[in-house]
Every structure is written in C-alpha cells, then in structure tokens.
Amino acid sequence: MRHVVVLGLMGSGKTTIGTALASRLGWSVSDSDSVIMSSTGRTAAELVAQLGIDYLHALERDHLLGCLSSQQLAVVCAAASVIDEAVCRRALAVPSVRCVWLRASVGTLVDRFKSGGHRPQYDVELPAMFRKQISSRAAHFAAVSTIDVDVDGRSVDDIDQNPRHRHRPERDGYACRNSSNHVGGEEEDLTWKRR
C-alpha cells in the first residue's frame, strides 16, 4: 500500500484525522484545501465565487490523481467532490490505495461548516445542502472505502485510540490479507492482494 485516502463531506474532519494518521504512520500528508490554497492563493469558497465550481472541482480532482500517481507514501485528505467522478473512483479502488470514510451527521457537518469561511456553500440552507450531498455521495464513498469511521461527538484522540469503525475486508475483487481494528496499528498488514 502506498496511499491512505481520507474521504468524507466538508467538515467531517478529513484534515484533522488525516494529519494525525500521517503522523502516526510517519508518512507525508497532502491536504486538498491546503494544496489548492498554496497554489492559487485562494480558498475553495473564493475560487467558486470567482471562477466557478467546475474550476474548483478540476483542481480537487487533479490533486487526488496527482497524489495517487506518486510513489511517495502519503495520507491524502481528498476533497469530497472527487467521489463524484468515475476516474477518481477507479483510482481509489486500486490495491495500493486504502480509503477511510469519515461519516458525520448533518448536524455535525453544519456545526463544523460554520466554524470556517474557507468552504464553499452550495445551498442557502446548510442542512439541505448536506442532506443532498449525503444522498448523492454516500453509496460512492461506501463502494471505495475499506474503513468507515463515525465521527459524531468524537475527538481526534478518541478516534485514534478507539477507532470503533466498520472494516470492509473486500472491495471490488480485492481482499485484505489481514484485517485489524486499528488504522495504522503495528499489528495491521495494510497490503492488498488480488483475488
């Protein structure tokens, strides 16, 4: 395995959890929002306002695919939009990639969205926006994820020490050689083999 990709909707905690996981593994971390901000000098919200949603989503797609094409071991904090594109879903389903889906309730997502102005708002009513995103993306996240983590009401330390996740040992014809309860735990074999 070369990459762990942290997936989820805006506000699910991808940057925070991904950074903690990268530290635990001793790997580099590549966060979509940070990379895009560094390369453009604008937040995602500013890019949508100035250049449109398609422009932002192209940058987010390019970030993910660029990271996955690298040989460097990395934890990738991907933008939620990447799951909408078939090319990204195919790239996420290869054996060298392990996906962690951070699941959060609408209430948690709304609360976290309000804490920062860098995220684009696609609907006047935030709960409706997140309900639509969950409805359209949850099946895709589930299809590529190998681990699902519920994040509601949980701190990073709690998730790290007691992940309480659902492990998916099979995904699109691939099987994990050895499953464990802990992402990044020393006892876990994170390699994949073709069935």
N, C-alpha and C. Protein backbone atom coordinates (compact mmCIF):
# COMPACT_ATOMS: atom_id res chain seq x y z
N MET A 1 0.84 -1.18 0.00
CA MET A 1 0.00 0.00 0.00
C MET A 1 0.88 1.24 0.00
N ARG A 2 0.53 2.20 -0.86
CA ARG A 2 1.30 3.44 -0.93
C ARG A 2 0.53 4.63 -0.40
N HIS A 3 -0.79 4.55 -0.41
CA HIS A 3 -1.60 5.72 -0.04
C HIS A 3 -2.78 5.33 0.83
N VAL A 4 -3.05 6.19 1.81
CA VAL A 4 -4.31 6.15 2.54
C VAL A 4 -5.02 7.43 2.17
N VAL A 5 -6.24 7.30 1.67
CA VAL A 5 -7.03 8.48 1.29
C VAL A 5 -8.16 8.63 2.29
N VAL A 6 -8.23 9.81 2.89
CA VAL A 6 -9.28 10.12 3.86
C VAL A 6 -10.39 10.84 3.10
N LEU A 7 -11.57 10.24 3.14
CA LEU A 7 -12.73 10.73 2.40
C LEU A 7 -13.84 11.17 3.36
N GLY A 8 -14.72 12.01 2.87
CA GLY A 8 -15.87 12.46 3.65
C GLY A 8 -16.33 13.81 3.16
N LEU A 9 -17.46 14.24 3.65
CA LEU A 9 -18.00 15.53 3.26
C LEU A 9 -17.25 16.66 3.97
N MET A 10 -17.48 17.88 3.49
CA MET A 10 -16.86 19.05 4.13
C MET A 10 -17.24 19.08 5.61
N GLY A 11 -16.23 19.22 6.47
CA GLY A 11 -16.49 19.30 7.89
C GLY A 11 -16.47 17.95 8.60
N SER A 12 -16.19 16.87 7.88
CA SER A 12 -16.17 15.56 8.53
C SER A 12 -14.89 15.33 9.32
N GLY A 13 -13.86 16.16 9.08
CA GLY A 13 -12.61 16.05 9.85
C GLY A 13 -11.47 15.44 9.07
N LYS A 14 -11.54 15.49 7.76
CA LYS A 14 -10.51 14.86 6.93
C LYS A 14 -9.12 15.41 7.21
N THR A 15 -8.97 16.72 7.28
CA THR A 15 -7.65 17.31 7.51
C THR A 15 -7.11 16.93 8.89
N THR A 16 -7.94 17.04 9.90
CA THR A 16 -7.51 16.76 11.27
C THR A 16 -7.15 15.28 11.44
N ILE A 17 -8.04 14.40 11.02
CA ILE A 17 -7.80 12.96 11.16
C ILE A 17 -6.66 12.52 10.24
N GLY A 18 -6.63 13.04 9.02
CA GLY A 18 -5.56 12.68 8.09
C GLY A 18 -4.19 13.08 8.58
N THR A 19 -4.10 14.27 9.16
CA THR A 19 -2.82 14.73 9.70
C THR A 19 -2.37 13.86 10.87
N ALA A 20 -3.31 13.49 11.74
CA ALA A 20 -2.98 12.62 12.88
C ALA A 20 -2.55 11.24 12.39
N LEU A 21 -3.22 10.73 11.38
CA LEU A 21 -2.87 9.41 10.84
C LEU A 21 -1.49 9.44 10.18
N ALA A 22 -1.21 10.49 9.42
CA ALA A 22 0.10 10.62 8.77
C ALA A 22 1.21 10.67 9.82
N SER A 23 0.97 11.38 10.91
CA SER A 23 1.96 11.46 11.98
C SER A 23 2.20 10.09 12.59
N ARG A 24 1.14 9.36 12.84
CA ARG A 24 1.25 8.02 13.41
C ARG A 24 2.03 7.09 12.49
N LEU A 25 1.79 7.19 11.18
CA LEU A 25 2.45 6.31 10.21
C LEU A 25 3.86 6.78 9.85
N GLY A 26 4.16 8.06 10.12
CA GLY A 26 5.44 8.63 9.70
C GLY A 26 5.46 8.91 8.21
N TRP A 27 4.30 9.17 7.65
CA TRP A 27 4.15 9.46 6.22
C TRP A 27 3.90 10.95 6.03
N SER A 28 4.02 11.40 4.79
CA SER A 28 3.66 12.78 4.48
C SER A 28 2.14 12.87 4.38
N VAL A 29 1.63 14.09 4.48
CA VAL A 29 0.20 14.32 4.32
C VAL A 29 0.02 15.36 3.22
N SER A 30 -1.00 15.16 2.40
CA SER A 30 -1.34 16.12 1.35
C SER A 30 -2.82 16.43 1.46
N ASP A 31 -3.12 17.64 1.86
CA ASP A 31 -4.50 18.08 2.08
C ASP A 31 -4.96 18.93 0.89
N SER A 32 -6.07 18.55 0.30
CA SER A 32 -6.58 19.23 -0.89
C SER A 32 -6.74 20.73 -0.67
N ASP A 33 -7.40 21.13 0.41
CA ASP A 33 -7.63 22.56 0.66
C ASP A 33 -6.31 23.32 0.78
N SER A 34 -5.35 22.75 1.51
CA SER A 34 -4.06 23.42 1.70
C SER A 34 -3.27 23.53 0.41
N VAL A 35 -3.26 22.46 -0.37
CA VAL A 35 -2.52 22.46 -1.64
C VAL A 35 -3.14 23.47 -2.61
N ILE A 36 -4.45 23.49 -2.69
CA ILE A 36 -5.13 24.43 -3.59
C ILE A 36 -4.91 25.87 -3.13
N MET A 37 -4.99 26.11 -1.84
CA MET A 37 -4.73 27.45 -1.30
C MET A 37 -3.30 27.89 -1.62
N SER A 38 -2.34 26.98 -1.45
CA SER A 38 -0.94 27.31 -1.72
C SER A 38 -0.69 27.61 -3.20
N SER A 39 -1.35 26.84 -4.06
CA SER A 39 -1.08 27.00 -5.49
C SER A 39 -1.85 28.16 -6.14
N THR A 40 -3.01 28.50 -5.57
CA THR A 40 -3.83 29.56 -6.19
C THR A 40 -3.87 30.84 -5.36
N GLY A 41 -3.55 30.75 -4.07
CA GLY A 41 -3.68 31.90 -3.20
C GLY A 41 -5.11 32.21 -2.81
N ARG A 42 -6.02 31.25 -3.05
CA ARG A 42 -7.44 31.45 -2.76
C ARG A 42 -8.01 30.24 -2.05
N THR A 43 -9.01 30.47 -1.22
CA THR A 43 -9.73 29.38 -0.58
C THR A 43 -10.68 28.75 -1.59
N ALA A 44 -11.20 27.60 -1.24
CA ALA A 44 -12.19 26.94 -2.11
C ALA A 44 -13.41 27.85 -2.31
N ALA A 45 -13.86 28.51 -1.25
CA ALA A 45 -15.01 29.40 -1.37
C ALA A 45 -14.72 30.56 -2.32
N GLU A 46 -13.51 31.12 -2.24
CA GLU A 46 -13.14 32.22 -3.15
C GLU A 46 -13.05 31.74 -4.60
N LEU A 47 -12.52 30.55 -4.80
CA LEU A 47 -12.42 30.02 -6.16
C LEU A 47 -13.80 29.81 -6.78
N VAL A 48 -14.72 29.27 -6.00
CA VAL A 48 -16.08 29.08 -6.52
C VAL A 48 -16.71 30.42 -6.87
N ALA A 49 -16.56 31.41 -6.00
CA ALA A 49 -17.15 32.73 -6.25
C ALA A 49 -16.53 33.41 -7.47
N GLN A 50 -15.23 33.22 -7.67
CA GLN A 50 -14.53 33.94 -8.75
C GLN A 50 -14.46 33.16 -10.06
N LEU A 51 -14.27 31.83 -9.98
CA LEU A 51 -14.03 31.05 -11.20
C LEU A 51 -15.02 29.92 -11.44
N GLY A 52 -15.86 29.66 -10.46
CA GLY A 52 -16.90 28.65 -10.64
C GLY A 52 -16.56 27.30 -10.02
N ILE A 53 -17.62 26.53 -9.80
CA ILE A 53 -17.50 25.24 -9.14
C ILE A 53 -16.73 24.23 -10.00
N ASP A 54 -16.91 24.27 -11.31
CA ASP A 54 -16.20 23.32 -12.17
C ASP A 54 -14.69 23.52 -12.09
N TYR A 55 -14.26 24.76 -11.99
CA TYR A 55 -12.83 25.05 -11.86
C TYR A 55 -12.28 24.45 -10.57
N LEU A 56 -12.99 24.67 -9.46
CA LEU A 56 -12.55 24.12 -8.18
C LEU A 56 -12.51 22.60 -8.23
N HIS A 57 -13.56 21.99 -8.76
CA HIS A 57 -13.61 20.53 -8.79
C HIS A 57 -12.50 19.94 -9.67
N ALA A 58 -12.12 20.63 -10.72
CA ALA A 58 -10.99 20.16 -11.55
C ALA A 58 -9.69 20.19 -10.74
N LEU A 59 -9.49 21.24 -9.96
CA LEU A 59 -8.30 21.32 -9.11
C LEU A 59 -8.30 20.20 -8.07
N GLU A 60 -9.46 19.94 -7.50
CA GLU A 60 -9.58 18.88 -6.48
C GLU A 60 -9.31 17.51 -7.09
N ARG A 61 -9.85 17.27 -8.28
CA ARG A 61 -9.59 16.01 -8.98
C ARG A 61 -8.11 15.86 -9.28
N ASP A 62 -7.50 16.92 -9.81
CA ASP A 62 -6.08 16.87 -10.16
C ASP A 62 -5.20 16.64 -8.93
N HIS A 63 -5.59 17.21 -7.79
CA HIS A 63 -4.84 16.97 -6.55
C HIS A 63 -4.84 15.49 -6.21
N LEU A 64 -6.02 14.88 -6.19
CA LEU A 64 -6.12 13.47 -5.84
C LEU A 64 -5.33 12.59 -6.81
N LEU A 65 -5.58 12.77 -8.10
CA LEU A 65 -4.92 11.91 -9.09
C LEU A 65 -3.41 12.11 -9.09
N GLY A 66 -2.97 13.35 -8.86
CA GLY A 66 -1.53 13.61 -8.77
C GLY A 66 -0.91 12.89 -7.59
N CYS A 67 -1.57 12.93 -6.45
CA CYS A 67 -1.06 12.25 -5.26
C CYS A 67 -1.01 10.74 -5.48
N LEU A 68 -2.06 10.19 -6.07
CA LEU A 68 -2.11 8.74 -6.25
C LEU A 68 -1.13 8.24 -7.30
N SER A 69 -0.68 9.12 -8.19
CA SER A 69 0.31 8.72 -9.19
C SER A 69 1.74 8.75 -8.65
N SER A 70 1.91 9.34 -7.48
CA SER A 70 3.23 9.45 -6.85
C SER A 70 3.62 8.13 -6.18
N GLN A 71 4.90 7.87 -6.15
CA GLN A 71 5.42 6.68 -5.46
C GLN A 71 5.62 6.93 -3.97
N GLN A 72 5.53 8.19 -3.54
CA GLN A 72 5.76 8.53 -2.13
C GLN A 72 4.59 8.05 -1.26
N LEU A 73 4.91 7.44 -0.14
CA LEU A 73 3.90 7.05 0.83
C LEU A 73 3.24 8.31 1.37
N ALA A 74 1.91 8.35 1.32
CA ALA A 74 1.23 9.57 1.76
C ALA A 74 -0.18 9.28 2.23
N VAL A 75 -0.62 10.10 3.18
CA VAL A 75 -2.02 10.18 3.55
C VAL A 75 -2.57 11.37 2.78
N VAL A 76 -3.63 11.12 2.03
CA VAL A 76 -4.22 12.16 1.19
C VAL A 76 -5.59 12.53 1.76
N CYS A 77 -5.76 13.81 2.07
CA CYS A 77 -7.05 14.33 2.52
C CYS A 77 -7.73 14.90 1.28
N ALA A 78 -8.64 14.11 0.72
CA ALA A 78 -9.25 14.45 -0.57
C ALA A 78 -10.50 15.30 -0.40
N ALA A 79 -10.75 16.14 -1.38
CA ALA A 79 -11.99 16.92 -1.39
C ALA A 79 -13.17 15.97 -1.60
N ALA A 80 -14.30 16.30 -1.02
CA ALA A 80 -15.50 15.46 -1.15
C ALA A 80 -15.92 15.28 -2.61
N SER A 81 -15.70 16.29 -3.44
CA SER A 81 -16.16 16.24 -4.83
C SER A 81 -15.51 15.15 -5.66
N VAL A 82 -14.34 14.67 -5.24
CA VAL A 82 -13.65 13.68 -6.08
C VAL A 82 -14.46 12.40 -6.24
N ILE A 83 -15.31 12.09 -5.28
CA ILE A 83 -16.09 10.86 -5.33
C ILE A 83 -17.15 10.91 -6.43
N ASP A 84 -17.46 12.11 -6.93
CA ASP A 84 -18.45 12.26 -7.99
C ASP A 84 -17.92 11.83 -9.36
N GLU A 85 -16.61 11.74 -9.50
CA GLU A 85 -16.01 11.45 -10.80
C GLU A 85 -15.56 10.00 -10.90
N ALA A 86 -15.99 9.35 -11.98
CA ALA A 86 -15.66 7.93 -12.19
C ALA A 86 -14.16 7.71 -12.23
N VAL A 87 -13.41 8.62 -12.84
CA VAL A 87 -11.96 8.45 -12.92
C VAL A 87 -11.33 8.42 -11.53
N CYS A 88 -11.86 9.22 -10.63
CA CYS A 88 -11.35 9.23 -9.26
C CYS A 88 -11.76 7.96 -8.52
N ARG A 89 -12.99 7.52 -8.70
CA ARG A 89 -13.44 6.30 -8.03
C ARG A 89 -12.60 5.10 -8.49
N ARG A 90 -12.28 5.04 -9.77
CA ARG A 90 -11.41 3.95 -10.26
C ARG A 90 -10.03 4.04 -9.62
N ALA A 91 -9.49 5.24 -9.51
CA ALA A 91 -8.16 5.42 -8.91
C ALA A 91 -8.17 5.04 -7.43
N LEU A 92 -9.28 5.28 -6.76
CA LEU A 92 -9.39 4.96 -5.33
C LEU A 92 -9.57 3.47 -5.08
N ALA A 93 -9.97 2.73 -6.09
CA ALA A 93 -10.27 1.31 -5.93
C ALA A 93 -9.09 0.39 -6.22
N VAL A 94 -7.92 0.93 -6.53
CA VAL A 94 -6.77 0.07 -6.84
C VAL A 94 -6.15 -0.48 -5.55
N PRO A 95 -5.42 -1.59 -5.64
CA PRO A 95 -4.91 -2.24 -4.43
C PRO A 95 -3.91 -1.42 -3.62
N SER A 96 -3.24 -0.46 -4.22
CA SER A 96 -2.24 0.31 -3.48
C SER A 96 -2.86 1.45 -2.67
N VAL A 97 -4.18 1.56 -2.70
CA VAL A 97 -4.89 2.65 -2.01
C VAL A 97 -5.84 2.06 -0.98
N ARG A 98 -5.80 2.64 0.19
CA ARG A 98 -6.74 2.28 1.24
C ARG A 98 -7.54 3.52 1.58
N CYS A 99 -8.87 3.42 1.55
CA CYS A 99 -9.73 4.58 1.78
C CYS A 99 -10.42 4.50 3.14
N VAL A 100 -10.38 5.62 3.85
CA VAL A 100 -11.05 5.75 5.14
C VAL A 100 -12.15 6.79 4.96
N TRP A 101 -13.39 6.36 5.16
CA TRP A 101 -14.54 7.26 5.01
C TRP A 101 -14.96 7.75 6.38
N LEU A 102 -14.87 9.07 6.58
CA LEU A 102 -15.30 9.70 7.82
C LEU A 102 -16.77 10.10 7.66
N ARG A 103 -17.63 9.43 8.41
CA ARG A 103 -19.07 9.68 8.30
C ARG A 103 -19.51 10.59 9.43
N ALA A 104 -20.31 11.58 9.08
CA ALA A 104 -20.80 12.54 10.07
C ALA A 104 -22.26 12.85 9.78
N SER A 105 -22.99 13.18 10.83
CA SER A 105 -24.40 13.54 10.68
C SER A 105 -24.51 14.95 10.09
N VAL A 106 -25.68 15.26 9.61
CA VAL A 106 -25.95 16.60 9.08
C VAL A 106 -25.67 17.66 10.16
N GLY A 107 -26.09 17.41 11.40
CA GLY A 107 -25.87 18.37 12.48
C GLY A 107 -24.40 18.65 12.72
N THR A 108 -23.59 17.60 12.73
CA THR A 108 -22.15 17.78 12.92
C THR A 108 -21.55 18.56 11.76
N LEU A 109 -21.94 18.22 10.53
CA LEU A 109 -21.40 18.91 9.35
C LEU A 109 -21.77 20.39 9.35
N VAL A 110 -23.01 20.71 9.70
CA VAL A 110 -23.46 22.11 9.75
C VAL A 110 -22.66 22.88 10.81
N ASP A 111 -22.52 22.29 11.99
CA ASP A 111 -21.77 22.97 13.06
C ASP A 111 -20.33 23.24 12.65
N ARG A 112 -19.69 22.26 12.04
CA ARG A 112 -18.29 22.43 11.65
C ARG A 112 -18.15 23.38 10.46
N PHE A 113 -19.13 23.37 9.56
CA PHE A 113 -19.08 24.27 8.40
C PHE A 113 -19.06 25.72 8.86
N LYS A 114 -19.83 26.02 9.87
CA LYS A 114 -19.95 27.39 10.37
C LYS A 114 -18.66 27.88 11.02
N SER A 115 -17.75 26.96 11.37
CA SER A 115 -16.54 27.35 12.08
C SER A 115 -15.44 27.89 11.17
N GLY A 116 -15.62 27.81 9.87
CA GLY A 116 -14.58 28.31 8.97
C GLY A 116 -15.17 28.87 7.70
N GLY A 117 -14.58 29.92 7.18
CA GLY A 117 -15.11 30.56 5.98
C GLY A 117 -14.46 30.08 4.69
N HIS A 118 -13.62 29.06 4.76
CA HIS A 118 -12.91 28.62 3.57
C HIS A 118 -13.71 27.66 2.71
N ARG A 119 -14.81 27.14 3.22
CA ARG A 119 -15.60 26.15 2.49
C ARG A 119 -16.69 26.81 1.65
N PRO A 120 -16.90 26.33 0.43
CA PRO A 120 -17.97 26.91 -0.40
C PRO A 120 -19.35 26.41 0.05
N GLN A 121 -20.32 27.29 -0.01
CA GLN A 121 -21.70 26.93 0.35
C GLN A 121 -22.51 26.85 -0.93
N TYR A 122 -23.10 25.67 -1.19
CA TYR A 122 -23.81 25.42 -2.44
C TYR A 122 -25.31 25.57 -2.32
N ASP A 123 -25.80 25.85 -1.15
CA ASP A 123 -27.24 25.98 -0.92
C ASP A 123 -27.42 26.99 0.22
N VAL A 124 -28.48 27.79 0.15
CA VAL A 124 -28.74 28.77 1.19
C VAL A 124 -28.94 28.08 2.54
N GLU A 125 -29.61 26.94 2.52
CA GLU A 125 -29.87 26.20 3.75
C GLU A 125 -28.84 25.08 3.89
N LEU A 126 -27.97 25.20 4.89
CA LEU A 126 -26.90 24.21 5.08
C LEU A 126 -27.40 22.79 5.31
N PRO A 127 -28.40 22.56 6.16
CA PRO A 127 -28.86 21.18 6.33
C PRO A 127 -29.31 20.55 5.01
N ALA A 128 -30.01 21.31 4.19
CA ALA A 128 -30.45 20.79 2.89
C ALA A 128 -29.26 20.47 2.00
N MET A 129 -28.25 21.33 2.03
CA MET A 129 -27.04 21.10 1.23
C MET A 129 -26.39 19.78 1.62
N PHE A 130 -26.23 19.55 2.93
CA PHE A 130 -25.57 18.32 3.37
C PHE A 130 -26.44 17.09 3.15
N ARG A 131 -27.76 17.22 3.30
CA ARG A 131 -28.62 16.07 3.01
C ARG A 131 -28.49 15.66 1.54
N LYS A 132 -28.43 16.64 0.65
CA LYS A 132 -28.26 16.33 -0.78
C LYS A 132 -26.92 15.66 -1.04
N GLN A 133 -25.87 16.17 -0.41
CA GLN A 133 -24.54 15.58 -0.62
C GLN A 133 -24.47 14.17 -0.07
N ILE A 134 -25.05 13.93 1.09
CA ILE A 134 -25.07 12.58 1.64
C ILE A 134 -25.83 11.66 0.71
N SER A 135 -26.98 12.12 0.23
CA SER A 135 -27.80 11.30 -0.66
C SER A 135 -27.06 10.92 -1.95
N SER A 136 -26.33 11.87 -2.51
CA SER A 136 -25.68 11.61 -3.80
C SER A 136 -24.31 10.94 -3.68
N ARG A 137 -23.67 11.04 -2.52
CA ARG A 137 -22.29 10.56 -2.41
C ARG A 137 -22.09 9.35 -1.51
N ALA A 138 -22.99 9.07 -0.61
CA ALA A 138 -22.77 8.00 0.38
C ALA A 138 -22.50 6.65 -0.28
N ALA A 139 -23.24 6.30 -1.30
CA ALA A 139 -23.04 4.99 -1.95
C ALA A 139 -21.66 4.92 -2.59
N HIS A 140 -21.20 6.02 -3.17
CA HIS A 140 -19.86 6.04 -3.78
C HIS A 140 -18.77 5.93 -2.72
N PHE A 141 -18.92 6.66 -1.62
CA PHE A 141 -17.95 6.55 -0.52
C PHE A 141 -17.90 5.10 -0.02
N ALA A 142 -19.07 4.51 0.18
CA ALA A 142 -19.14 3.13 0.68
C ALA A 142 -18.48 2.15 -0.29
N ALA A 143 -18.63 2.39 -1.58
CA ALA A 143 -18.08 1.47 -2.58
C ALA A 143 -16.56 1.42 -2.58
N VAL A 144 -15.91 2.55 -2.27
CA VAL A 144 -14.44 2.58 -2.33
C VAL A 144 -13.78 2.47 -0.96
N SER A 145 -14.53 2.70 0.11
CA SER A 145 -13.89 2.72 1.43
C SER A 145 -13.61 1.32 1.93
N THR A 146 -12.49 1.20 2.62
CA THR A 146 -12.14 -0.05 3.29
C THR A 146 -12.41 0.06 4.78
N ILE A 147 -12.49 1.29 5.27
CA ILE A 147 -12.80 1.53 6.68
C ILE A 147 -13.76 2.71 6.76
N ASP A 148 -14.83 2.55 7.52
CA ASP A 148 -15.78 3.63 7.78
C ASP A 148 -15.66 4.01 9.24
N VAL A 149 -15.54 5.32 9.52
CA VAL A 149 -15.42 5.79 10.90
C VAL A 149 -16.51 6.83 11.15
N ASP A 150 -17.35 6.58 12.15
CA ASP A 150 -18.34 7.57 12.56
C ASP A 150 -17.64 8.58 13.47
N VAL A 151 -17.77 9.86 13.13
CA VAL A 151 -17.01 10.89 13.85
C VAL A 151 -17.87 11.76 14.78
N ASP A 152 -19.16 11.61 14.75
CA ASP A 152 -20.03 12.45 15.57
C ASP A 152 -19.66 12.39 17.05
N GLY A 153 -19.45 13.57 17.65
CA GLY A 153 -19.19 13.67 19.08
C GLY A 153 -17.88 13.06 19.53
N ARG A 154 -16.95 12.88 18.61
CA ARG A 154 -15.69 12.22 18.96
C ARG A 154 -14.50 13.12 18.67
N SER A 155 -13.51 13.07 19.55
CA SER A 155 -12.28 13.83 19.36
C SER A 155 -11.31 13.03 18.50
N VAL A 156 -10.29 13.70 18.01
CA VAL A 156 -9.24 13.02 17.24
C VAL A 156 -8.58 11.95 18.09
N ASP A 157 -8.27 12.27 19.35
CA ASP A 157 -7.64 11.30 20.23
C ASP A 157 -8.52 10.07 20.43
N ASP A 158 -9.82 10.28 20.59
CA ASP A 158 -10.74 9.17 20.77
C ASP A 158 -10.75 8.29 19.52
N ILE A 159 -10.81 8.90 18.36
CA ILE A 159 -10.82 8.13 17.12
C ILE A 159 -9.50 7.37 16.95
N ASP A 160 -8.39 8.02 17.28
CA ASP A 160 -7.08 7.38 17.15
C ASP A 160 -6.93 6.20 18.10
N GLN A 161 -7.35 6.36 19.35
CA GLN A 161 -7.17 5.32 20.35
C GLN A 161 -8.24 4.23 20.30
N ASN A 162 -9.43 4.60 19.85
CA ASN A 162 -10.55 3.66 19.84
C ASN A 162 -11.37 3.91 18.58
N PRO A 163 -10.89 3.43 17.43
CA PRO A 163 -11.50 3.81 16.17
C PRO A 163 -12.97 3.43 16.01
N ARG A 164 -13.45 2.37 16.66
CA ARG A 164 -14.86 1.94 16.53
C ARG A 164 -15.34 2.08 15.10
N HIS A 165 -14.70 1.40 14.21
CA HIS A 165 -15.05 1.52 12.80
C HIS A 165 -15.55 0.20 12.24
N ARG A 166 -16.12 0.30 11.05
CA ARG A 166 -16.51 -0.89 10.31
C ARG A 166 -15.46 -1.13 9.24
N HIS A 167 -14.84 -2.27 9.29
CA HIS A 167 -13.82 -2.63 8.31
C HIS A 167 -14.48 -3.40 7.17
N ARG A 168 -14.14 -3.05 5.95
CA ARG A 168 -14.66 -3.75 4.78
C ARG A 168 -13.52 -4.56 4.17
N PRO A 169 -13.43 -5.84 4.49
CA PRO A 169 -12.28 -6.62 4.02
C PRO A 169 -12.29 -6.89 2.52
N GLU A 170 -13.41 -6.72 1.87
CA GLU A 170 -13.44 -6.94 0.42
C GLU A 170 -13.95 -5.68 -0.26
N ARG A 171 -13.37 -5.43 -1.44
CA ARG A 171 -13.77 -4.27 -2.21
C ARG A 171 -13.42 -4.53 -3.65
N ASP A 172 -14.42 -4.59 -4.51
CA ASP A 172 -14.22 -4.71 -5.95
C ASP A 172 -13.17 -5.75 -6.34
N GLY A 173 -13.28 -6.95 -5.81
CA GLY A 173 -12.38 -8.01 -6.23
C GLY A 173 -11.06 -8.07 -5.48
N TYR A 174 -10.88 -7.22 -4.49
CA TYR A 174 -9.65 -7.23 -3.71
C TYR A 174 -9.98 -7.66 -2.29
N ALA A 175 -9.07 -8.33 -1.66
CA ALA A 175 -9.28 -8.75 -0.28
C ALA A 175 -8.07 -8.35 0.55
N CYS A 176 -8.32 -7.92 1.75
CA CYS A 176 -7.23 -7.56 2.65
C CYS A 176 -6.64 -8.83 3.24
N ARG A 177 -5.33 -8.94 3.26
CA ARG A 177 -4.67 -10.14 3.78
C ARG A 177 -4.91 -10.31 5.27
N ASN A 178 -5.01 -9.22 5.98
CA ASN A 178 -5.15 -9.33 7.43
C ASN A 178 -5.89 -8.11 7.94
N SER A 179 -7.07 -8.30 8.48
CA SER A 179 -7.81 -7.14 8.97
C SER A 179 -7.52 -6.94 10.45
N SER A 180 -7.70 -5.70 10.89
CA SER A 180 -7.45 -5.35 12.28
C SER A 180 -8.41 -4.25 12.67
N ASN A 181 -8.44 -3.93 13.94
CA ASN A 181 -9.33 -2.87 14.41
C ASN A 181 -8.70 -1.49 14.37
N HIS A 182 -7.46 -1.37 13.96
CA HIS A 182 -6.78 -0.09 14.13
C HIS A 182 -6.06 0.35 12.88
N VAL A 183 -6.46 1.46 12.32
CA VAL A 183 -5.76 2.02 11.16
C VAL A 183 -4.38 2.45 11.60
N GLY A 184 -3.38 1.98 10.91
CA GLY A 184 -2.03 2.39 11.23
C GLY A 184 -1.42 1.64 12.40
N GLY A 185 -2.17 0.73 13.00
CA GLY A 185 -1.61 -0.04 14.11
C GLY A 185 -0.51 -0.96 13.61
N GLU A 186 0.47 -1.22 14.44
CA GLU A 186 1.60 -2.04 14.03
C GLU A 186 1.17 -3.45 13.69
N GLU A 187 0.08 -3.92 14.29
CA GLU A 187 -0.35 -5.28 14.04
C GLU A 187 -1.07 -5.42 12.70
N GLU A 188 -1.36 -4.33 12.04
CA GLU A 188 -2.16 -4.40 10.83
C GLU A 188 -1.30 -4.51 9.59
N ASP A 189 -1.64 -5.45 8.73
CA ASP A 189 -0.99 -5.59 7.43
C ASP A 189 -1.84 -4.82 6.44
N LEU A 190 -1.32 -3.71 5.95
CA LEU A 190 -2.11 -2.84 5.08
C LEU A 190 -1.94 -3.16 3.60
N THR A 191 -1.38 -4.30 3.27
CA THR A 191 -1.21 -4.63 1.86
C THR A 191 -2.44 -5.34 1.33
N TRP A 192 -2.62 -5.24 0.06
CA TRP A 192 -3.77 -5.83 -0.60
C TRP A 192 -3.30 -6.86 -1.59
N LYS A 193 -4.09 -7.87 -1.82
CA LYS A 193 -3.77 -8.86 -2.84
C LYS A 193 -4.96 -9.06 -3.74
N ARG A 194 -4.71 -9.35 -4.98
CA ARG A 194 -5.77 -9.59 -5.95
C ARG A 194 -6.36 -10.96 -5.70
N ARG A 195 -7.66 -11.07 -5.70
CA ARG A 195 -8.31 -12.37 -5.54
C ARG A 195 -8.16 -13.17 -6.80
